[in-house]
């Protein structure tokens, strides 16, 4: 099966979305990626991603919309 990109939009999430994000990362299959959509740049998440073996690319697409593409490091 070809790799897929899952999308997790946490802009309307009630409370801290950290657990929702880590659960989505745990559910990724080999080769898949996750596009996180948020209202701010999630800088505190970057260290967690690195420690868990993920890389990320961040893009600000609007004043209050950030996309972070997360994938397993090679």
PDB file of N, CA and C in Angstrom:
ATOM      1  N   UNK A   1       0.847  -1.174   0.000  1.00  0.00           N
ATOM      2  CA  UNK A   1       0.000   0.000   0.000  1.00  0.00           C
ATOM      3  C   UNK A   1       0.901   1.249   0.000  1.00  0.00           C
ATOM      4  N   UNK A   2       0.587   2.257  -0.841  1.00  0.00           N
ATOM      5  CA  UNK A   2       1.430   3.464  -0.893  1.00  0.00           C
ATOM      6  C   UNK A   2       1.324   4.278   0.386  1.00  0.00           C
ATOM      7  N   UNK A   3       2.366   5.043   0.694  1.00  0.00           N
ATOM      8  CA  UNK A   3       2.318   5.888   1.898  1.00  0.00           C
ATOM      9  C   UNK A   3       1.198   6.917   1.791  1.00  0.00           C
ATOM     10  N   UNK A   4       0.645   7.265   2.924  1.00  0.00           N
ATOM     11  CA  UNK A   4      -0.420   8.265   2.955  1.00  0.00           C
ATOM     12  C   UNK A   4      -0.037   9.392   3.900  1.00  0.00           C
ATOM     13  N   UNK A   5      -0.679  10.529   3.702  1.00  0.00           N
ATOM     14  CA  UNK A   5      -0.511  11.649   4.614  1.00  0.00           C
ATOM     15  C   UNK A   5      -1.820  11.820   5.376  1.00  0.00           C
ATOM     16  N   UNK A   6      -1.769  11.613   6.662  1.00  0.00           N
ATOM     17  CA  UNK A   6      -2.935  11.845   7.510  1.00  0.00           C
ATOM     18  C   UNK A   6      -2.943  13.306   7.915  1.00  0.00           C
ATOM     19  N   UNK A   7      -4.126  13.856   8.116  1.00  0.00           N
ATOM     20  CA  UNK A   7      -4.260  15.257   8.524  1.00  0.00           C
ATOM     21  C   UNK A   7      -4.917  15.292   9.901  1.00  0.00           C
ATOM     22  N   UNK A   8      -4.299  16.042  10.802  1.00  0.00           N
ATOM     23  CA  UNK A   8      -4.841  16.250  12.136  1.00  0.00           C
ATOM     24  C   UNK A   8      -4.974  17.750  12.346  1.00  0.00           C
ATOM     25  N   UNK A   9      -6.205  18.226  12.370  1.00  0.00           N
ATOM     26  CA  UNK A   9      -6.492  19.648  12.545  1.00  0.00           C
ATOM     27  C   UNK A   9      -6.888  19.868  14.010  1.00  0.00           C
ATOM     28  N   UNK A  10      -6.026  20.553  14.756  1.00  0.00           N
ATOM     29  CA  UNK A  10      -6.289  20.764  16.183  1.00  0.00           C
ATOM     30  C   UNK A  10      -6.701  22.206  16.482  1.00  0.00           C
ATOM     31  N   UNK A  11      -7.062  22.960  15.449  1.00  0.00           N
ATOM     32  CA  UNK A  11      -7.432  24.368  15.660  1.00  0.00           C
ATOM     33  C   UNK A  11      -8.660  24.514  16.549  1.00  0.00           C
ATOM     34  N   UNK A  12      -9.580  23.585  16.493  1.00  0.00           N
ATOM     35  CA  UNK A  12     -10.795  23.675  17.301  1.00  0.00           C
ATOM     36  C   UNK A  12     -10.754  22.737  18.507  1.00  0.00           C
ATOM     37  N   UNK A  13      -9.593  22.189  18.797  1.00  0.00           N
ATOM     38  CA  UNK A  13      -9.452  21.218  19.891  1.00  0.00           C
ATOM     39  C   UNK A  13      -9.664  21.909  21.232  1.00  0.00           C
ATOM     40  N   UNK A  14     -10.421  21.270  22.083  1.00  0.00           N
ATOM     41  CA  UNK A  14     -10.658  21.782  23.436  1.00  0.00           C
ATOM     42  C   UNK A  14      -9.505  21.362  24.338  1.00  0.00           C
ATOM     43  N   UNK A  15      -8.803  22.298  24.912  1.00  0.00           N
ATOM     44  CA  UNK A  15      -7.700  21.970  25.810  1.00  0.00           C
ATOM     45  C   UNK A  15      -6.411  21.720  25.051  1.00  0.00           C
ATOM     46  N   UNK A  16      -5.454  21.109  25.721  1.00  0.00           N
ATOM     47  CA  UNK A  16      -4.131  20.836  25.177  1.00  0.00           C
ATOM     48  C   UNK A  16      -4.207  19.638  24.219  1.00  0.00           C
ATOM     49  N   UNK A  17      -3.817  19.810  22.959  1.00  0.00           N
ATOM     50  CA  UNK A  17      -3.914  18.705  21.997  1.00  0.00           C
ATOM     51  C   UNK A  17      -2.724  17.755  22.004  1.00  0.00           C
ATOM     52  N   UNK A  18      -1.791  17.912  22.949  1.00  0.00           N
ATOM     53  CA  UNK A  18      -0.561  17.121  22.933  1.00  0.00           C
ATOM     54  C   UNK A  18      -0.838  15.616  22.859  1.00  0.00           C
ATOM     55  N   UNK A  19      -1.728  15.114  23.700  1.00  0.00           N
ATOM     56  CA  UNK A  19      -2.008  13.672  23.712  1.00  0.00           C
ATOM     57  C   UNK A  19      -2.636  13.221  22.396  1.00  0.00           C
ATOM     58  N   UNK A  20      -3.498  14.040  21.829  1.00  0.00           N
ATOM     59  CA  UNK A  20      -4.112  13.713  20.540  1.00  0.00           C
ATOM     60  C   UNK A  20      -3.041  13.616  19.456  1.00  0.00           C
ATOM     61  N   UNK A  21      -2.076  14.526  19.495  1.00  0.00           N
ATOM     62  CA  UNK A  21      -0.989  14.525  18.513  1.00  0.00           C
ATOM     63  C   UNK A  21      -0.115  13.281  18.686  1.00  0.00           C
ATOM     64  N   UNK A  22       0.274  12.973  19.916  1.00  0.00           N
ATOM     65  CA  UNK A  22       1.148  11.807  20.128  1.00  0.00           C
ATOM     66  C   UNK A  22       0.413  10.507  19.789  1.00  0.00           C
ATOM     67  N   UNK A  23      -0.882  10.437  20.049  1.00  0.00           N
ATOM     68  CA  UNK A  23      -1.663   9.256  19.661  1.00  0.00           C
ATOM     69  C   UNK A  23      -1.668   9.095  18.145  1.00  0.00           C
ATOM     70  N   UNK A  24      -1.820  10.212  17.423  1.00  0.00           N
ATOM     71  CA  UNK A  24      -1.809  10.158  15.957  1.00  0.00           C
ATOM     72  C   UNK A  24      -0.443   9.702  15.450  1.00  0.00           C
ATOM     73  N   UNK A  25       0.628  10.145  16.089  1.00  0.00           N
ATOM     74  CA  UNK A  25       1.968   9.697  15.699  1.00  0.00           C
ATOM     75  C   UNK A  25       2.140   8.205  15.943  1.00  0.00           C
ATOM     76  N   UNK A  26       1.624   7.716  17.065  1.00  0.00           N
ATOM     77  CA  UNK A  26       1.713   6.293  17.383  1.00  0.00           C
ATOM     78  C   UNK A  26       0.961   5.434  16.371  1.00  0.00           C
ATOM     79  N   UNK A  27      -0.082   6.004  15.756  1.00  0.00           N
ATOM     80  CA  UNK A  27      -0.914   5.263  14.803  1.00  0.00           C
ATOM     81  C   UNK A  27      -0.384   5.283  13.375  1.00  0.00           C
ATOM     82  N   UNK A  28       0.709   6.018  13.116  1.00  0.00           N
ATOM     83  CA  UNK A  28       1.241   6.079  11.763  1.00  0.00           C
ATOM     84  C   UNK A  28       1.825   4.727  11.351  1.00  0.00           C
ATOM     85  N   UNK A  29       1.546   4.344  10.121  1.00  0.00           N
ATOM     86  CA  UNK A  29       2.153   3.142   9.549  1.00  0.00           C
ATOM     87  C   UNK A  29       3.489   3.520   8.934  1.00  0.00           C
ATOM     88  N   UNK A  30       4.315   2.520   8.647  1.00  0.00           N
ATOM     89  CA  UNK A  30       5.626   2.771   8.039  1.00  0.00           C
ATOM     90  C   UNK A  30       5.466   3.582   6.761  1.00  0.00           C
ATOM     91  N   UNK A  31       6.256   4.637   6.638  1.00  0.00           N
ATOM     92  CA  UNK A  31       6.240   5.457   5.441  1.00  0.00           C
ATOM     93  C   UNK A  31       5.183   6.534   5.421  1.00  0.00           C
ATOM     94  N   UNK A  32       4.204   6.481   6.315  1.00  0.00           N
ATOM     95  CA  UNK A  32       3.144   7.483   6.347  1.00  0.00           C
ATOM     96  C   UNK A  32       3.632   8.759   7.023  1.00  0.00           C
ATOM     97  N   UNK A  33       2.922   9.854   6.773  1.00  0.00           N
ATOM     98  CA  UNK A  33       3.251  11.126   7.408  1.00  0.00           C
ATOM     99  C   UNK A  33       1.988  11.724   8.005  1.00  0.00           C
ATOM    100  N   UNK A  34       2.194  12.728   8.830  1.00  0.00           N
ATOM    101  CA  UNK A  34       1.087  13.418   9.486  1.00  0.00           C
ATOM    102  C   UNK A  34       1.213  14.908   9.203  1.00  0.00           C
ATOM    103  N   UNK A  35       0.132  15.515   8.751  1.00  0.00           N
ATOM    104  CA  UNK A  35       0.099  16.969   8.585  1.00  0.00           C
ATOM    105  C   UNK A  35      -0.723  17.524   9.751  1.00  0.00           C
ATOM    106  N   UNK A  36      -0.037  18.234  10.625  1.00  0.00           N
ATOM    107  CA  UNK A  36      -0.666  18.864  11.779  1.00  0.00           C
ATOM    108  C   UNK A  36      -1.066  20.281  11.387  1.00  0.00           C
ATOM    109  N   UNK A  37      -2.316  20.634  11.618  1.00  0.00           N
ATOM    110  CA  UNK A  37      -2.813  21.980  11.331  1.00  0.00           C
ATOM    111  C   UNK A  37      -3.112  22.633  12.672  1.00  0.00           C
ATOM    112  N   UNK A  38      -2.516  23.819  12.896  1.00  0.00           N
ATOM    113  CA  UNK A  38      -2.626  24.468  14.193  1.00  0.00           C
ATOM    114  C   UNK A  38      -2.768  25.978  14.001  1.00  0.00           C
ATOM    115  N   UNK A  39      -3.156  26.670  15.062  1.00  0.00           N
ATOM    116  CA  UNK A  39      -3.321  28.123  15.005  1.00  0.00           C
ATOM    117  C   UNK A  39      -2.027  28.866  15.308  1.00  0.00           C
ATOM    118  N   UNK A  40      -0.986  28.144  15.738  1.00  0.00           N
ATOM    119  CA  UNK A  40       0.297  28.765  16.057  1.00  0.00           C
ATOM    120  C   UNK A  40       1.404  27.771  15.726  1.00  0.00           C
ATOM    121  N   UNK A  41       2.627  28.258  15.637  1.00  0.00           N
ATOM    122  CA  UNK A  41       3.751  27.362  15.405  1.00  0.00           C
ATOM    123  C   UNK A  41       4.027  26.586  16.695  1.00  0.00           C
ATOM    124  N   UNK A  42       3.922  25.259  16.656  1.00  0.00           N
ATOM    125  CA  UNK A  42       4.066  24.445  17.871  1.00  0.00           C
ATOM    126  C   UNK A  42       5.522  24.141  18.214  1.00  0.00           C
ATOM    127  N   UNK A  43       6.287  25.187  18.476  1.00  0.00           N
ATOM    128  CA  UNK A  43       7.715  25.045  18.747  1.00  0.00           C
ATOM    129  C   UNK A  43       8.007  24.028  19.855  1.00  0.00           C
ATOM    130  N   UNK A  44       7.258  23.987  20.962  1.00  0.00           N
ATOM    131  CA  UNK A  44       7.573  23.005  22.004  1.00  0.00           C
ATOM    132  C   UNK A  44       7.467  21.553  21.523  1.00  0.00           C
ATOM    133  N   UNK A  45       6.718  21.320  20.467  1.00  0.00           N
ATOM    134  CA  UNK A  45       6.555  19.965  19.947  1.00  0.00           C
ATOM    135  C   UNK A  45       7.805  19.472  19.226  1.00  0.00           C
ATOM    136  N   UNK A  46       8.612  20.365  18.696  1.00  0.00           N
ATOM    137  CA  UNK A  46       9.747  19.972  17.860  1.00  0.00           C
ATOM    138  C   UNK A  46      10.743  19.074  18.590  1.00  0.00           C
ATOM    139  N   UNK A  47      11.063  19.397  19.821  1.00  0.00           N
ATOM    140  CA  UNK A  47      11.985  18.560  20.598  1.00  0.00           C
ATOM    141  C   UNK A  47      11.421  17.175  20.849  1.00  0.00           C
ATOM    142  N   UNK A  48      10.124  17.107  21.105  1.00  0.00           N
ATOM    143  CA  UNK A  48       9.465  15.816  21.319  1.00  0.00           C
ATOM    144  C   UNK A  48       9.529  14.983  20.046  1.00  0.00           C
ATOM    145  N   UNK A  49       9.270  15.622  18.915  1.00  0.00           N
ATOM    146  CA  UNK A  49       9.329  14.903  17.643  1.00  0.00           C
ATOM    147  C   UNK A  49      10.720  14.329  17.406  1.00  0.00           C
ATOM    148  N   UNK A  50      11.741  15.156  17.624  1.00  0.00           N
ATOM    149  CA  UNK A  50      13.102  14.705  17.412  1.00  0.00           C
ATOM    150  C   UNK A  50      13.449  13.531  18.327  1.00  0.00           C
ATOM    151  N   UNK A  51      13.058  13.621  19.587  1.00  0.00           N
ATOM    152  CA  UNK A  51      13.378  12.550  20.533  1.00  0.00           C
ATOM    153  C   UNK A  51      12.645  11.250  20.214  1.00  0.00           C
ATOM    154  N   UNK A  52      11.530  11.369  19.501  1.00  0.00           N
ATOM    155  CA  UNK A  52      10.757  10.175  19.124  1.00  0.00           C
ATOM    156  C   UNK A  52      11.096   9.678  17.733  1.00  0.00           C
ATOM    157  N   UNK A  53      12.096  10.311  17.073  1.00  0.00           N
ATOM    158  CA  UNK A  53      12.545   9.825  15.776  1.00  0.00           C
ATOM    159  C   UNK A  53      11.769  10.356  14.582  1.00  0.00           C
ATOM    160  N   UNK A  54      11.240  11.569  14.698  1.00  0.00           N
ATOM    161  CA  UNK A  54      10.498  12.179  13.595  1.00  0.00           C
ATOM    162  C   UNK A  54      11.204  13.449  13.123  1.00  0.00           C
ATOM    163  N   UNK A  55      10.994  13.770  11.856  1.00  0.00           N
ATOM    164  CA  UNK A  55      11.423  15.049  11.310  1.00  0.00           C
ATOM    165  C   UNK A  55      10.178  15.870  11.010  1.00  0.00           C
ATOM    166  N   UNK A  56      10.364  17.174  10.794  1.00  0.00           N
ATOM    167  CA  UNK A  56       9.199  18.011  10.499  1.00  0.00           C
ATOM    168  C   UNK A  56       9.589  19.142   9.560  1.00  0.00           C
ATOM    169  N   UNK A  57       8.598  19.601   8.814  1.00  0.00           N
ATOM    170  CA  UNK A  57       8.710  20.798   7.987  1.00  0.00           C
ATOM    171  C   UNK A  57       7.509  21.668   8.341  1.00  0.00           C
ATOM    172  N   UNK A  58       7.764  22.935   8.635  1.00  0.00           N
ATOM    173  CA  UNK A  58       6.696  23.834   9.079  1.00  0.00           C
ATOM    174  C   UNK A  58       6.478  24.933   8.052  1.00  0.00           C
ATOM    175  N   UNK A  59       5.206  25.237   7.830  1.00  0.00           N
ATOM    176  CA  UNK A  59       4.836  26.297   6.902  1.00  0.00           C
ATOM    177  C   UNK A  59       3.693  27.113   7.498  1.00  0.00           C
ATOM    178  N   UNK A  60       3.847  28.419   7.497  1.00  0.00           N
ATOM    179  CA  UNK A  60       2.760  29.304   7.918  1.00  0.00           C
ATOM    180  C   UNK A  60       1.954  29.626   6.664  1.00  0.00           C
ATOM    181  N   UNK A  61       0.686  29.186   6.624  1.00  0.00           N
ATOM    182  CA  UNK A  61      -0.133  29.361   5.429  1.00  0.00           C
ATOM    183  C   UNK A  61      -1.094  30.538   5.535  1.00  0.00           C
ATOM    184  N   UNK A  62      -1.272  31.057   6.740  1.00  0.00           N
ATOM    185  CA  UNK A  62      -2.123  32.214   6.976  1.00  0.00           C
ATOM    186  C   UNK A  62      -1.693  32.824   8.308  1.00  0.00           C
ATOM    187  N   UNK A  63      -2.253  33.959   8.635  1.00  0.00           N
ATOM    188  CA  UNK A  63      -1.859  34.649   9.870  1.00  0.00           C
ATOM    189  C   UNK A  63      -1.998  33.756  11.093  1.00  0.00           C
ATOM    190  N   UNK A  64      -3.051  32.957  11.132  1.00  0.00           N
ATOM    191  CA  UNK A  64      -3.269  32.076  12.287  1.00  0.00           C
ATOM    192  C   UNK A  64      -3.463  30.620  11.865  1.00  0.00           C
ATOM    193  N   UNK A  65      -2.702  30.204  10.856  1.00  0.00           N
ATOM    194  CA  UNK A  65      -2.756  28.803  10.427  1.00  0.00           C
ATOM    195  C   UNK A  65      -1.365  28.315  10.054  1.00  0.00           C
ATOM    196  N   UNK A  66      -0.947  27.293  10.758  1.00  0.00           N
ATOM    197  CA  UNK A  66       0.357  26.675  10.548  1.00  0.00           C
ATOM    198  C   UNK A  66       0.164  25.211  10.174  1.00  0.00           C
ATOM    199  N   UNK A  67       0.952  24.715   9.226  1.00  0.00           N
ATOM    200  CA  UNK A  67       0.949  23.307   8.852  1.00  0.00           C
ATOM    201  C   UNK A  67       2.331  22.740   9.166  1.00  0.00           C
ATOM    202  N   UNK A  68       2.334  21.617   9.850  1.00  0.00           N
ATOM    203  CA  UNK A  68       3.589  20.935  10.176  1.00  0.00           C
ATOM    204  C   UNK A  68       3.501  19.528   9.595  1.00  0.00           C
ATOM    205  N   UNK A  69       4.365  19.240   8.614  1.00  0.00           N
ATOM    206  CA  UNK A  69       4.411  17.897   8.041  1.00  0.00           C
ATOM    207  C   UNK A  69       5.416  17.087   8.844  1.00  0.00           C
ATOM    208  N   UNK A  70       4.943  15.996   9.411  1.00  0.00           N
ATOM    209  CA  UNK A  70       5.750  15.168  10.315  1.00  0.00           C
ATOM    210  C   UNK A  70       5.898  13.798   9.695  1.00  0.00           C
ATOM    211  N   UNK A  71       7.130  13.299   9.684  1.00  0.00           N
ATOM    212  CA  UNK A  71       7.355  11.953   9.163  1.00  0.00           C
ATOM    213  C   UNK A  71       8.522  11.296   9.916  1.00  0.00           C
ATOM    214  N   UNK A  72       8.556   9.976   9.914  1.00  0.00           N
ATOM    215  CA  UNK A  72       9.666   9.288  10.568  1.00  0.00           C
ATOM    216  C   UNK A  72      10.994   9.669   9.927  1.00  0.00           C
ATOM    217  N   UNK A  73      12.013   9.856  10.747  1.00  0.00           N
ATOM    218  CA  UNK A  73      13.360  10.143  10.225  1.00  0.00           C
ATOM    219  C   UNK A  73      13.865   8.901   9.505  1.00  0.00           C
ATOM    220  N   UNK A  74      14.661   9.134   8.470  1.00  0.00           N
ATOM    221  CA  UNK A  74      15.205   7.992   7.709  1.00  0.00           C
ATOM    222  C   UNK A  74      16.408   7.408   8.373  1.00  0.00           C
TER     223      UNK A  74
END
